[in-house]
Amino acid sequence: MRPGGVKTQERPYLGITYVPITTQLATSHGLAADSGILITAVAAASPAQKAGIQPADIMTEFAGQRLTENTTILEILNQHAAGHAVMVCVLRKGEQRQVEVTLGVQ
């Protein structure tokens, strides 16, 4: 609650910085996927770091939904509450991994 009794909505927090993957980006960087997001940084002590997500991972699915140009991670993230555990699919060095992440509060 904010000063003055104003209630704030807790937003789910993952703790990553990323760039959306386009066909052009995938081709120019030799990425293993042509959609999803390329993780460029992971915040220290964040839910993503605690789950083992690393910079250079490519996230292709979040909570069972494929990440595309039309379905962004922010849209899917905001469908979940802080404290909720979700499964994400990441590619690391060409190997697909399923990772469970418990969303934090922002």
PDB file of N, CA and C in Angstrom:
ATOM      1  N   MET A   1       0.840  -1.166   0.000  1.00  0.00           N
ATOM      2  CA  MET A   1       0.000   0.000   0.000  1.00  0.00           C
ATOM      3  C   MET A   1       0.891   1.236   0.000  1.00  0.00           C
ATOM      4  N   ARG A   2       0.541   2.194  -0.822  1.00  0.00           N
ATOM      5  CA  ARG A   2       1.296   3.443  -0.889  1.00  0.00           C
ATOM      6  C   ARG A   2       0.856   4.382   0.225  1.00  0.00           C
ATOM      7  N   PRO A   3       1.696   5.401   0.524  1.00  0.00           N
ATOM      8  CA  PRO A   3       1.281   6.398   1.516  1.00  0.00           C
ATOM      9  C   PRO A   3      -0.055   7.010   1.098  1.00  0.00           C
ATOM     10  N   GLY A   4      -0.890   7.276   2.061  1.00  0.00           N
ATOM     11  CA  GLY A   4      -2.203   7.844   1.765  1.00  0.00           C
ATOM     12  C   GLY A   4      -3.249   6.772   1.556  1.00  0.00           C
ATOM     13  N   GLY A   5      -2.879   5.493   1.770  1.00  0.00           N
ATOM     14  CA  GLY A   5      -3.850   4.419   1.678  1.00  0.00           C
ATOM     15  C   GLY A   5      -4.158   3.963   0.264  1.00  0.00           C
ATOM     16  N   VAL A   6      -3.376   4.378  -0.728  1.00  0.00           N
ATOM     17  CA  VAL A   6      -3.614   3.956  -2.099  1.00  0.00           C
ATOM     18  C   VAL A   6      -3.006   2.577  -2.303  1.00  0.00           C
ATOM     19  N   LYS A   7      -3.831   1.619  -2.697  1.00  0.00           N
ATOM     20  CA  LYS A   7      -3.379   0.261  -2.917  1.00  0.00           C
ATOM     21  C   LYS A   7      -2.629   0.157  -4.239  1.00  0.00           C
ATOM     22  N   THR A   8      -1.500  -0.556  -4.241  1.00  0.00           N
ATOM     23  CA  THR A   8      -0.753  -0.772  -5.470  1.00  0.00           C
ATOM     24  C   THR A   8      -0.927  -2.221  -5.908  1.00  0.00           C
ATOM     25  N   GLN A   9      -0.945  -2.426  -7.205  1.00  0.00           N
ATOM     26  CA  GLN A   9      -1.046  -3.773  -7.745  1.00  0.00           C
ATOM     27  C   GLN A   9       0.350  -4.349  -7.882  1.00  0.00           C
ATOM     28  N   GLU A  10       0.552  -5.536  -7.344  1.00  0.00           N
ATOM     29  CA  GLU A  10       1.839  -6.190  -7.466  1.00  0.00           C
ATOM     30  C   GLU A  10       1.946  -6.779  -8.864  1.00  0.00           C
ATOM     31  N   ARG A  11       3.014  -6.425  -9.555  1.00  0.00           N
ATOM     32  CA  ARG A  11       3.231  -6.942 -10.903  1.00  0.00           C
ATOM     33  C   ARG A  11       4.230  -8.079 -10.844  1.00  0.00           C
ATOM     34  N   PRO A  12       4.023  -9.111 -11.652  1.00  0.00           N
ATOM     35  CA  PRO A  12       4.978 -10.216 -11.668  1.00  0.00           C
ATOM     36  C   PRO A  12       6.308  -9.767 -12.247  1.00  0.00           C
ATOM     37  N   TYR A  13       7.381 -10.334 -11.727  1.00  0.00           N
ATOM     38  CA  TYR A  13       8.739  -9.929 -12.088  1.00  0.00           C
ATOM     39  C   TYR A  13       9.560 -11.161 -12.442  1.00  0.00           C
ATOM     40  N   LEU A  14      10.267 -11.083 -13.564  1.00  0.00           N
ATOM     41  CA  LEU A  14      11.114 -12.176 -14.013  1.00  0.00           C
ATOM     42  C   LEU A  14      12.591 -11.835 -13.845  1.00  0.00           C
ATOM     43  N   GLY A  15      12.977 -10.593 -14.152  1.00  0.00           N
ATOM     44  CA  GLY A  15      14.356 -10.155 -13.948  1.00  0.00           C
ATOM     45  C   GLY A  15      15.280 -10.385 -15.123  1.00  0.00           C
ATOM     46  N   ILE A  16      14.768 -10.150 -16.339  1.00  0.00           N
ATOM     47  CA  ILE A  16      15.605 -10.320 -17.524  1.00  0.00           C
ATOM     48  C   ILE A  16      15.566  -9.071 -18.392  1.00  0.00           C
ATOM     49  N   THR A  17      16.609  -8.914 -19.184  1.00  0.00           N
ATOM     50  CA  THR A  17      16.641  -7.944 -20.270  1.00  0.00           C
ATOM     51  C   THR A  17      16.756  -8.783 -21.529  1.00  0.00           C
ATOM     52  N   TYR A  18      16.045  -8.374 -22.577  1.00  0.00           N
ATOM     53  CA  TYR A  18      15.999  -9.219 -23.765  1.00  0.00           C
ATOM     54  C   TYR A  18      15.758  -8.393 -25.020  1.00  0.00           C
ATOM     55  N   VAL A  19      15.965  -9.043 -26.154  1.00  0.00           N
ATOM     56  CA  VAL A  19      15.580  -8.484 -27.443  1.00  0.00           C
ATOM     57  C   VAL A  19      14.726  -9.529 -28.148  1.00  0.00           C
ATOM     58  N   PRO A  20      13.640  -9.091 -28.797  1.00  0.00           N
ATOM     59  CA  PRO A  20      12.817 -10.033 -29.557  1.00  0.00           C
ATOM     60  C   PRO A  20      13.620 -10.579 -30.749  1.00  0.00           C
ATOM     61  N   ILE A  21      13.455 -11.844 -31.022  1.00  0.00           N
ATOM     62  CA  ILE A  21      14.150 -12.455 -32.152  1.00  0.00           C
ATOM     63  C   ILE A  21      13.302 -12.300 -33.404  1.00  0.00           C
ATOM     64  N   THR A  22      13.920 -11.729 -34.412  1.00  0.00           N
ATOM     65  CA  THR A  22      13.306 -11.621 -35.727  1.00  0.00           C
ATOM     66  C   THR A  22      14.073 -12.552 -36.668  1.00  0.00           C
ATOM     67  N   THR A  23      13.509 -12.809 -37.821  1.00  0.00           N
ATOM     68  CA  THR A  23      14.209 -13.638 -38.801  1.00  0.00           C
ATOM     69  C   THR A  23      15.555 -13.033 -39.155  1.00  0.00           C
ATOM     70  N   GLN A  24      15.581 -11.707 -39.301  1.00  0.00           N
ATOM     71  CA  GLN A  24      16.832 -11.021 -39.641  1.00  0.00           C
ATOM     72  C   GLN A  24      17.877 -11.193 -38.537  1.00  0.00           C
ATOM     73  N   LEU A  25      17.479 -11.007 -37.281  1.00  0.00           N
ATOM     74  CA  LEU A  25      18.408 -11.176 -36.154  1.00  0.00           C
ATOM     75  C   LEU A  25      18.907 -12.617 -36.088  1.00  0.00           C
ATOM     76  N   ALA A  26      18.001 -13.567 -36.249  1.00  0.00           N
ATOM     77  CA  ALA A  26      18.380 -14.981 -36.194  1.00  0.00           C
ATOM     78  C   ALA A  26      19.393 -15.327 -37.277  1.00  0.00           C
ATOM     79  N   THR A  27      19.159 -14.815 -38.479  1.00  0.00           N
ATOM     80  CA  THR A  27      20.064 -15.099 -39.594  1.00  0.00           C
ATOM     81  C   THR A  27      21.422 -14.441 -39.393  1.00  0.00           C
ATOM     82  N   SER A  28      21.418 -13.170 -39.016  1.00  0.00           N
ATOM     83  CA  SER A  28      22.674 -12.437 -38.896  1.00  0.00           C
ATOM     84  C   SER A  28      23.538 -12.925 -37.734  1.00  0.00           C
ATOM     85  N   HIS A  29      22.919 -13.498 -36.681  1.00  0.00           N
ATOM     86  CA  HIS A  29      23.683 -13.968 -35.524  1.00  0.00           C
ATOM     87  C   HIS A  29      23.778 -15.493 -35.453  1.00  0.00           C
ATOM     88  N   GLY A  30      23.221 -16.169 -36.440  1.00  0.00           N
ATOM     89  CA  GLY A  30      23.284 -17.629 -36.451  1.00  0.00           C
ATOM     90  C   GLY A  30      22.567 -18.260 -35.280  1.00  0.00           C
ATOM     91  N   LEU A  31      21.424 -17.692 -34.888  1.00  0.00           N
ATOM     92  CA  LEU A  31      20.683 -18.203 -33.734  1.00  0.00           C
ATOM     93  C   LEU A  31      19.963 -19.497 -34.083  1.00  0.00           C
ATOM     94  N   ALA A  32      19.734 -20.322 -33.062  1.00  0.00           N
ATOM     95  CA  ALA A  32      19.095 -21.617 -33.253  1.00  0.00           C
ATOM     96  C   ALA A  32      17.576 -21.523 -33.366  1.00  0.00           C
ATOM     97  N   ALA A  33      17.015 -20.339 -33.232  1.00  0.00           N
ATOM     98  CA  ALA A  33      15.568 -20.156 -33.325  1.00  0.00           C
ATOM     99  C   ALA A  33      15.280 -18.887 -34.103  1.00  0.00           C
ATOM    100  N   ASP A  34      14.119 -18.864 -34.774  1.00  0.00           N
ATOM    101  CA  ASP A  34      13.759 -17.656 -35.526  1.00  0.00           C
ATOM    102  C   ASP A  34      12.602 -16.905 -34.878  1.00  0.00           C
ATOM    103  N   SER A  35      12.229 -17.310 -33.650  1.00  0.00           N
ATOM    104  CA  SER A  35      11.240 -16.573 -32.873  1.00  0.00           C
ATOM    105  C   SER A  35      11.569 -16.762 -31.400  1.00  0.00           C
ATOM    106  N   GLY A  36      10.949 -15.954 -30.568  1.00  0.00           N
ATOM    107  CA  GLY A  36      11.222 -15.984 -29.138  1.00  0.00           C
ATOM    108  C   GLY A  36      11.967 -14.728 -28.736  1.00  0.00           C
ATOM    109  N   ILE A  37      12.713 -14.820 -27.636  1.00  0.00           N
ATOM    110  CA  ILE A  37      13.499 -13.679 -27.164  1.00  0.00           C
ATOM    111  C   ILE A  37      14.911 -14.144 -26.829  1.00  0.00           C
ATOM    112  N   LEU A  38      15.862 -13.281 -27.104  1.00  0.00           N
ATOM    113  CA  LEU A  38      17.259 -13.530 -26.753  1.00  0.00           C
ATOM    114  C   LEU A  38      17.529 -12.825 -25.432  1.00  0.00           C
ATOM    115  N   ILE A  39      17.882 -13.573 -24.406  1.00  0.00           N
ATOM    116  CA  ILE A  39      18.171 -13.007 -23.092  1.00  0.00           C
ATOM    117  C   ILE A  39      19.533 -12.326 -23.164  1.00  0.00           C
ATOM    118  N   THR A  40      19.572 -11.024 -22.884  1.00  0.00           N
ATOM    119  CA  THR A  40      20.837 -10.290 -22.936  1.00  0.00           C
ATOM    120  C   THR A  40      21.431 -10.066 -21.553  1.00  0.00           C
ATOM    121  N   ALA A  41      20.594 -10.087 -20.507  1.00  0.00           N
ATOM    122  CA  ALA A  41      21.080  -9.919 -19.130  1.00  0.00           C
ATOM    123  C   ALA A  41      20.066 -10.526 -18.168  1.00  0.00           C
ATOM    124  N   VAL A  42      20.581 -10.990 -17.035  1.00  0.00           N
ATOM    125  CA  VAL A  42      19.745 -11.548 -15.973  1.00  0.00           C
ATOM    126  C   VAL A  42      20.111 -10.827 -14.683  1.00  0.00           C
ATOM    127  N   ALA A  43      19.120 -10.243 -14.037  1.00  0.00           N
ATOM    128  CA  ALA A  43      19.363  -9.489 -12.803  1.00  0.00           C
ATOM    129  C   ALA A  43      19.788 -10.426 -11.671  1.00  0.00           C
ATOM    130  N   ALA A  44      20.736  -9.953 -10.864  1.00  0.00           N
ATOM    131  CA  ALA A  44      21.214 -10.718  -9.720  1.00  0.00           C
ATOM    132  C   ALA A  44      20.070 -10.974  -8.747  1.00  0.00           C
ATOM    133  N   ALA A  45      20.009 -12.184  -8.224  1.00  0.00           N
ATOM    134  CA  ALA A  45      19.016 -12.610  -7.239  1.00  0.00           C
ATOM    135  C   ALA A  45      17.584 -12.529  -7.760  1.00  0.00           C
ATOM    136  N   SER A  46      17.412 -12.468  -9.066  1.00  0.00           N
ATOM    137  CA  SER A  46      16.075 -12.402  -9.667  1.00  0.00           C
ATOM    138  C   SER A  46      15.481 -13.804  -9.782  1.00  0.00           C
ATOM    139  N   PRO A  47      14.169 -13.897  -9.998  1.00  0.00           N
ATOM    140  CA  PRO A  47      13.561 -15.208 -10.228  1.00  0.00           C
ATOM    141  C   PRO A  47      14.218 -15.953 -11.400  1.00  0.00           C
ATOM    142  N   ALA A  48      14.558 -15.238 -12.467  1.00  0.00           N
ATOM    143  CA  ALA A  48      15.201 -15.876 -13.623  1.00  0.00           C
ATOM    144  C   ALA A  48      16.553 -16.468 -13.240  1.00  0.00           C
ATOM    145  N   GLN A  49      17.359 -15.705 -12.491  1.00  0.00           N
ATOM    146  CA  GLN A  49      18.676 -16.210 -12.079  1.00  0.00           C
ATOM    147  C   GLN A  49      18.519 -17.419 -11.156  1.00  0.00           C
ATOM    148  N   LYS A  50      17.586 -17.347 -10.226  1.00  0.00           N
ATOM    149  CA  LYS A  50      17.369 -18.469  -9.301  1.00  0.00           C
ATOM    150  C   LYS A  50      16.948 -19.731 -10.043  1.00  0.00           C
ATOM    151  N   ALA A  51      16.269 -19.565 -11.191  1.00  0.00           N
ATOM    152  CA  ALA A  51      15.838 -20.710 -11.998  1.00  0.00           C
ATOM    153  C   ALA A  51      16.928 -21.212 -12.941  1.00  0.00           C
ATOM    154  N   GLY A  52      18.050 -20.489 -13.019  1.00  0.00           N
ATOM    155  CA  GLY A  52      19.156 -20.917 -13.854  1.00  0.00           C
ATOM    156  C   GLY A  52      19.161 -20.349 -15.261  1.00  0.00           C
ATOM    157  N   ILE A  53      18.300 -19.377 -15.548  1.00  0.00           N
ATOM    158  CA  ILE A  53      18.297 -18.735 -16.861  1.00  0.00           C
ATOM    159  C   ILE A  53      19.548 -17.878 -16.977  1.00  0.00           C
ATOM    160  N   GLN A  54      20.182 -17.910 -18.146  1.00  0.00           N
ATOM    161  CA  GLN A  54      21.454 -17.229 -18.350  1.00  0.00           C
ATOM    162  C   GLN A  54      21.411 -16.308 -19.563  1.00  0.00           C
ATOM    163  N   PRO A  55      22.276 -15.278 -19.566  1.00  0.00           N
ATOM    164  CA  PRO A  55      22.410 -14.467 -20.777  1.00  0.00           C
ATOM    165  C   PRO A  55      22.790 -15.374 -21.954  1.00  0.00           C
ATOM    166  N   ALA A  56      22.272 -15.064 -23.121  1.00  0.00           N
ATOM    167  CA  ALA A  56      22.452 -15.817 -24.375  1.00  0.00           C
ATOM    168  C   ALA A  56      21.465 -16.966 -24.511  1.00  0.00           C
ATOM    169  N   ASP A  57      20.690 -17.272 -23.461  1.00  0.00           N
ATOM    170  CA  ASP A  57      19.606 -18.241 -23.619  1.00  0.00           C
ATOM    171  C   ASP A  57      18.564 -17.648 -24.562  1.00  0.00           C
ATOM    172  N   ILE A  58      17.892 -18.505 -25.303  1.00  0.00           N
ATOM    173  CA  ILE A  58      16.785 -18.088 -26.155  1.00  0.00           C
ATOM    174  C   ILE A  58      15.517 -18.676 -25.556  1.00  0.00           C
ATOM    175  N   MET A  59      14.617 -17.803 -25.097  1.00  0.00           N
ATOM    176  CA  MET A  59      13.355 -18.261 -24.534  1.00  0.00           C
ATOM    177  C   MET A  59      12.346 -18.362 -25.669  1.00  0.00           C
ATOM    178  N   THR A  60      11.794 -19.557 -25.858  1.00  0.00           N
ATOM    179  CA  THR A  60      10.847 -19.781 -26.950  1.00  0.00           C
ATOM    180  C   THR A  60       9.409 -19.936 -26.470  1.00  0.00           C
ATOM    181  N   GLU A  61       9.236 -20.352 -25.216  1.00  0.00           N
ATOM    182  CA  GLU A  61       7.898 -20.497 -24.644  1.00  0.00           C
ATOM    183  C   GLU A  61       7.906 -19.987 -23.210  1.00  0.00           C
ATOM    184  N   PHE A  62       6.765 -19.418 -22.829  1.00  0.00           N
ATOM    185  CA  PHE A  62       6.588 -18.949 -21.459  1.00  0.00           C
ATOM    186  C   PHE A  62       5.199 -19.388 -21.021  1.00  0.00           C
ATOM    187  N   ALA A  63       5.128 -20.181 -19.961  1.00  0.00           N
ATOM    188  CA  ALA A  63       3.854 -20.667 -19.420  1.00  0.00           C
ATOM    189  C   ALA A  63       3.020 -21.367 -20.494  1.00  0.00           C
ATOM    190  N   GLY A  64       3.693 -22.183 -21.320  1.00  0.00           N
ATOM    191  CA  GLY A  64       2.993 -22.959 -22.320  1.00  0.00           C
ATOM    192  C   GLY A  64       2.611 -22.220 -23.590  1.00  0.00           C
ATOM    193  N   GLN A  65       2.968 -20.953 -23.674  1.00  0.00           N
ATOM    194  CA  GLN A  65       2.630 -20.171 -24.863  1.00  0.00           C
ATOM    195  C   GLN A  65       3.900 -19.828 -25.629  1.00  0.00           C
ATOM    196  N   ARG A  66       3.867 -20.068 -26.929  1.00  0.00           N
ATOM    197  CA  ARG A  66       5.019 -19.777 -27.791  1.00  0.00           C
ATOM    198  C   ARG A  66       5.191 -18.270 -27.913  1.00  0.00           C
ATOM    199  N   LEU A  67       6.428 -17.814 -27.807  1.00  0.00           N
ATOM    200  CA  LEU A  67       6.726 -16.393 -27.957  1.00  0.00           C
ATOM    201  C   LEU A  67       6.941 -16.095 -29.433  1.00  0.00           C
ATOM    202  N   THR A  68       6.119 -15.199 -29.973  1.00  0.00           N
ATOM    203  CA  THR A  68       6.197 -14.818 -31.381  1.00  0.00           C
ATOM    204  C   THR A  68       6.154 -13.300 -31.463  1.00  0.00           C
ATOM    205  N   GLU A  69       6.194 -12.796 -32.679  1.00  0.00           N
ATOM    206  CA  GLU A  69       6.068 -11.349 -32.854  1.00  0.00           C
ATOM    207  C   GLU A  69       4.705 -10.864 -32.395  1.00  0.00           C
ATOM    208  N   ASN A  70       3.691 -11.744 -32.438  1.00  0.00           N
ATOM    209  CA  ASN A  70       2.331 -11.368 -32.059  1.00  0.00           C
ATOM    210  C   ASN A  70       2.008 -11.688 -30.601  1.00  0.00           C
ATOM    211  N   THR A  71       2.796 -12.541 -29.976  1.00  0.00           N
ATOM    212  CA  THR A  71       2.578 -12.909 -28.576  1.00  0.00           C
ATOM    213  C   THR A  71       3.845 -12.584 -27.809  1.00  0.00           C
ATOM    214  N   THR A  72       3.834 -11.482 -27.075  1.00  0.00           N
ATOM    215  CA  THR A  72       5.049 -11.046 -26.387  1.00  0.00           C
ATOM    216  C   THR A  72       5.096 -11.580 -24.965  1.00  0.00           C
ATOM    217  N   ILE A  73       6.293 -11.632 -24.428  1.00  0.00           N
ATOM    218  CA  ILE A  73       6.459 -12.136 -23.065  1.00  0.00           C
ATOM    219  C   ILE A  73       5.747 -11.238 -22.048  1.00  0.00           C
ATOM    220  N   LEU A  74       5.712  -9.937 -22.289  1.00  0.00           N
ATOM    221  CA  LEU A  74       5.037  -9.047 -21.330  1.00  0.00           C
ATOM    222  C   LEU A  74       3.548  -9.330 -21.267  1.00  0.00           C
ATOM    223  N   GLU A  75       2.936  -9.605 -22.412  1.00  0.00           N
ATOM    224  CA  GLU A  75       1.505  -9.941 -22.418  1.00  0.00           C
ATOM    225  C   GLU A  75       1.251 -11.206 -21.605  1.00  0.00           C
ATOM    226  N   ILE A  76       2.084 -12.217 -21.808  1.00  0.00           N
ATOM    227  CA  ILE A  76       1.898 -13.481 -21.091  1.00  0.00           C
ATOM    228  C   ILE A  76       2.251 -13.322 -19.621  1.00  0.00           C
ATOM    229  N   LEU A  77       3.350 -12.641 -19.328  1.00  0.00           N
ATOM    230  CA  LEU A  77       3.777 -12.423 -17.941  1.00  0.00           C
ATOM    231  C   LEU A  77       2.681 -11.753 -17.124  1.00  0.00           C
ATOM    232  N   ASN A  78       2.041 -10.758 -17.703  1.00  0.00           N
ATOM    233  CA  ASN A  78       1.004 -10.019 -16.977  1.00  0.00           C
ATOM    234  C   ASN A  78      -0.292 -10.801 -16.783  1.00  0.00           C
ATOM    235  N   GLN A  79      -0.372 -12.004 -17.347  1.00  0.00           N
ATOM    236  CA  GLN A  79      -1.520 -12.884 -17.110  1.00  0.00           C
ATOM    237  C   GLN A  79      -1.330 -13.711 -15.844  1.00  0.00           C
ATOM    238  N   HIS A  80      -0.166 -13.590 -15.220  1.00  0.00           N
ATOM    239  CA  HIS A  80       0.176 -14.392 -14.045  1.00  0.00           C
ATOM    240  C   HIS A  80       0.425 -13.491 -12.845  1.00  0.00           C
ATOM    241  N   ALA A  81       0.264 -14.065 -11.682  1.00  0.00           N
ATOM    242  CA  ALA A  81       0.467 -13.315 -10.442  1.00  0.00           C
ATOM    243  C   ALA A  81       1.869 -13.561  -9.896  1.00  0.00           C
ATOM    244  N   ALA A  82       2.368 -12.581  -9.178  1.00  0.00           N
ATOM    245  CA  ALA A  82       3.628 -12.750  -8.456  1.00  0.00           C
ATOM    246  C   ALA A  82       3.483 -13.945  -7.523  1.00  0.00           C
ATOM    247  N   GLY A  83       4.527 -14.757  -7.425  1.00  0.00           N
ATOM    248  CA  GLY A  83       4.493 -15.950  -6.597  1.00  0.00           C
ATOM    249  C   GLY A  83       4.055 -17.195  -7.356  1.00  0.00           C
ATOM    250  N   HIS A  84       3.526 -17.017  -8.573  1.00  0.00           N
ATOM    251  CA  HIS A  84       3.069 -18.128  -9.391  1.00  0.00           C
ATOM    252  C   HIS A  84       4.272 -18.783 -10.069  1.00  0.00           C
ATOM    253  N   ALA A  85       4.317 -20.103 -10.088  1.00  0.00           N
ATOM    254  CA  ALA A  85       5.386 -20.829 -10.778  1.00  0.00           C
ATOM    255  C   ALA A  85       4.946 -21.116 -12.205  1.00  0.00           C
ATOM    256  N   VAL A  86       5.815 -20.838 -13.159  1.00  0.00           N
ATOM    257  CA  VAL A  86       5.529 -21.088 -14.570  1.00  0.00           C
ATOM    258  C   VAL A  86       6.687 -21.866 -15.192  1.00  0.00           C
ATOM    259  N   MET A  87       6.377 -22.617 -16.217  1.00  0.00           N
ATOM    260  CA  MET A  87       7.407 -23.333 -16.973  1.00  0.00           C
ATOM    261  C   MET A  87       7.795 -22.493 -18.173  1.00  0.00           C
ATOM    262  N   VAL A  88       9.089 -22.416 -18.423  1.00  0.00           N
ATOM    263  CA  VAL A  88       9.584 -21.727 -19.611  1.00  0.00           C
ATOM    264  C   VAL A  88      10.484 -22.696 -20.378  1.00  0.00           C
ATOM    265  N   CYS A  89      10.518 -22.498 -21.679  1.00  0.00           N
ATOM    266  CA  CYS A  89      11.374 -23.302 -22.536  1.00  0.00           C
ATOM    267  C   CYS A  89      12.486 -22.404 -23.051  1.00  0.00           C
ATOM    268  N   VAL A  90      13.727 -22.821 -22.851  1.00  0.00           N
ATOM    269  CA  VAL A  90      14.865 -22.057 -23.341  1.00  0.00           C
ATOM    270  C   VAL A  90      15.769 -22.961 -24.172  1.00  0.00           C
ATOM    271  N   LEU A  91      16.424 -22.342 -25.131  1.00  0.00           N
ATOM    272  CA  LEU A  91      17.472 -23.010 -25.896  1.00  0.00           C
ATOM    273  C   LEU A  91      18.797 -22.474 -25.390  1.00  0.00           C
ATOM    274  N   ARG A  92      19.687 -23.384 -25.036  1.00  0.00           N
ATOM    275  CA  ARG A  92      21.030 -22.988 -24.609  1.00  0.00           C
ATOM    276  C   ARG A  92      22.026 -23.836 -25.395  1.00  0.00           C
ATOM    277  N   LYS A  93      22.808 -23.152 -26.215  1.00  0.00           N
ATOM    278  CA  LYS A  93      23.782 -23.845 -27.069  1.00  0.00           C
ATOM    279  C   LYS A  93      23.106 -24.937 -27.890  1.00  0.00           C
ATOM    280  N   GLY A  94      21.907 -24.617 -28.407  1.00  0.00           N
ATOM    281  CA  GLY A  94      21.183 -25.540 -29.273  1.00  0.00           C
ATOM    282  C   GLY A  94      20.399 -26.615 -28.557  1.00  0.00           C
ATOM    283  N   GLU A  95      20.515 -26.707 -27.237  1.00  0.00           N
ATOM    284  CA  GLU A  95      19.808 -27.721 -26.462  1.00  0.00           C
ATOM    285  C   GLU A  95      18.581 -27.113 -25.791  1.00  0.00           C
ATOM    286  N   GLN A  96      17.424 -27.761 -25.975  1.00  0.00           N
ATOM    287  CA  GLN A  96      16.185 -27.262 -25.382  1.00  0.00           C
ATOM    288  C   GLN A  96      16.089 -27.706 -23.934  1.00  0.00           C
ATOM    289  N   ARG A  97      15.687 -26.770 -23.062  1.00  0.00           N
ATOM    290  CA  ARG A  97      15.545 -27.045 -21.632  1.00  0.00           C
ATOM    291  C   ARG A  97      14.211 -26.499 -21.135  1.00  0.00           C
ATOM    292  N   GLN A  98      13.586 -27.219 -20.223  1.00  0.00           N
ATOM    293  CA  GLN A  98      12.404 -26.739 -19.528  1.00  0.00           C
ATOM    294  C   GLN A  98      12.843 -26.271 -18.143  1.00  0.00           C
ATOM    295  N   VAL A  99      12.428 -25.068 -17.772  1.00  0.00           N
ATOM    296  CA  VAL A  99      12.841 -24.493 -16.503  1.00  0.00           C
ATOM    297  C   VAL A  99      11.607 -23.959 -15.781  1.00  0.00           C
ATOM    298  N   GLU A 100      11.500 -24.252 -14.477  1.00  0.00           N
ATOM    299  CA  GLU A 100      10.403 -23.695 -13.693  1.00  0.00           C
ATOM    300  C   GLU A 100      10.879 -22.415 -13.021  1.00  0.00           C
ATOM    301  N   VAL A 101      10.099 -21.355 -13.164  1.00  0.00           N
ATOM    302  CA  VAL A 101      10.430 -20.052 -12.572  1.00  0.00           C
ATOM    303  C   VAL A 101       9.273 -19.626 -11.674  1.00  0.00           C
ATOM    304  N   THR A 102       9.597 -19.250 -10.437  1.00  0.00           N
ATOM    305  CA  THR A 102       8.587 -18.678  -9.547  1.00  0.00           C
ATOM    306  C   THR A 102       8.698 -17.170  -9.669  1.00  0.00           C
ATOM    307  N   LEU A 103       7.650 -16.541 -10.179  1.00  0.00           N
ATOM    308  CA  LEU A 103       7.671 -15.102 -10.454  1.00  0.00           C
ATOM    309  C   LEU A 103       7.785 -14.286  -9.173  1.00  0.00           C
ATOM    310  N   GLY A 104       8.580 -13.246  -9.229  1.00  0.00           N
ATOM    311  CA  GLY A 104       8.741 -12.344  -8.098  1.00  0.00           C
ATOM    312  C   GLY A 104       7.762 -11.185  -8.187  1.00  0.00           C
ATOM    313  N   VAL A 105       7.970 -10.201  -7.313  1.00  0.00           N
ATOM    314  CA  VAL A 105       7.120  -9.012  -7.250  1.00  0.00           C
ATOM    315  C   VAL A 105       7.923  -7.816  -7.684  1.00  0.00           C
ATOM    316  N   GLN A 106       7.290  -6.978  -8.485  1.00  0.00           N
ATOM    317  CA  GLN A 106       7.947  -5.725  -8.870  1.00  0.00           C
ATOM    318  C   GLN A 106       7.081  -4.573  -8.445  1.00  0.00           C
TER     319      GLN A 106
END
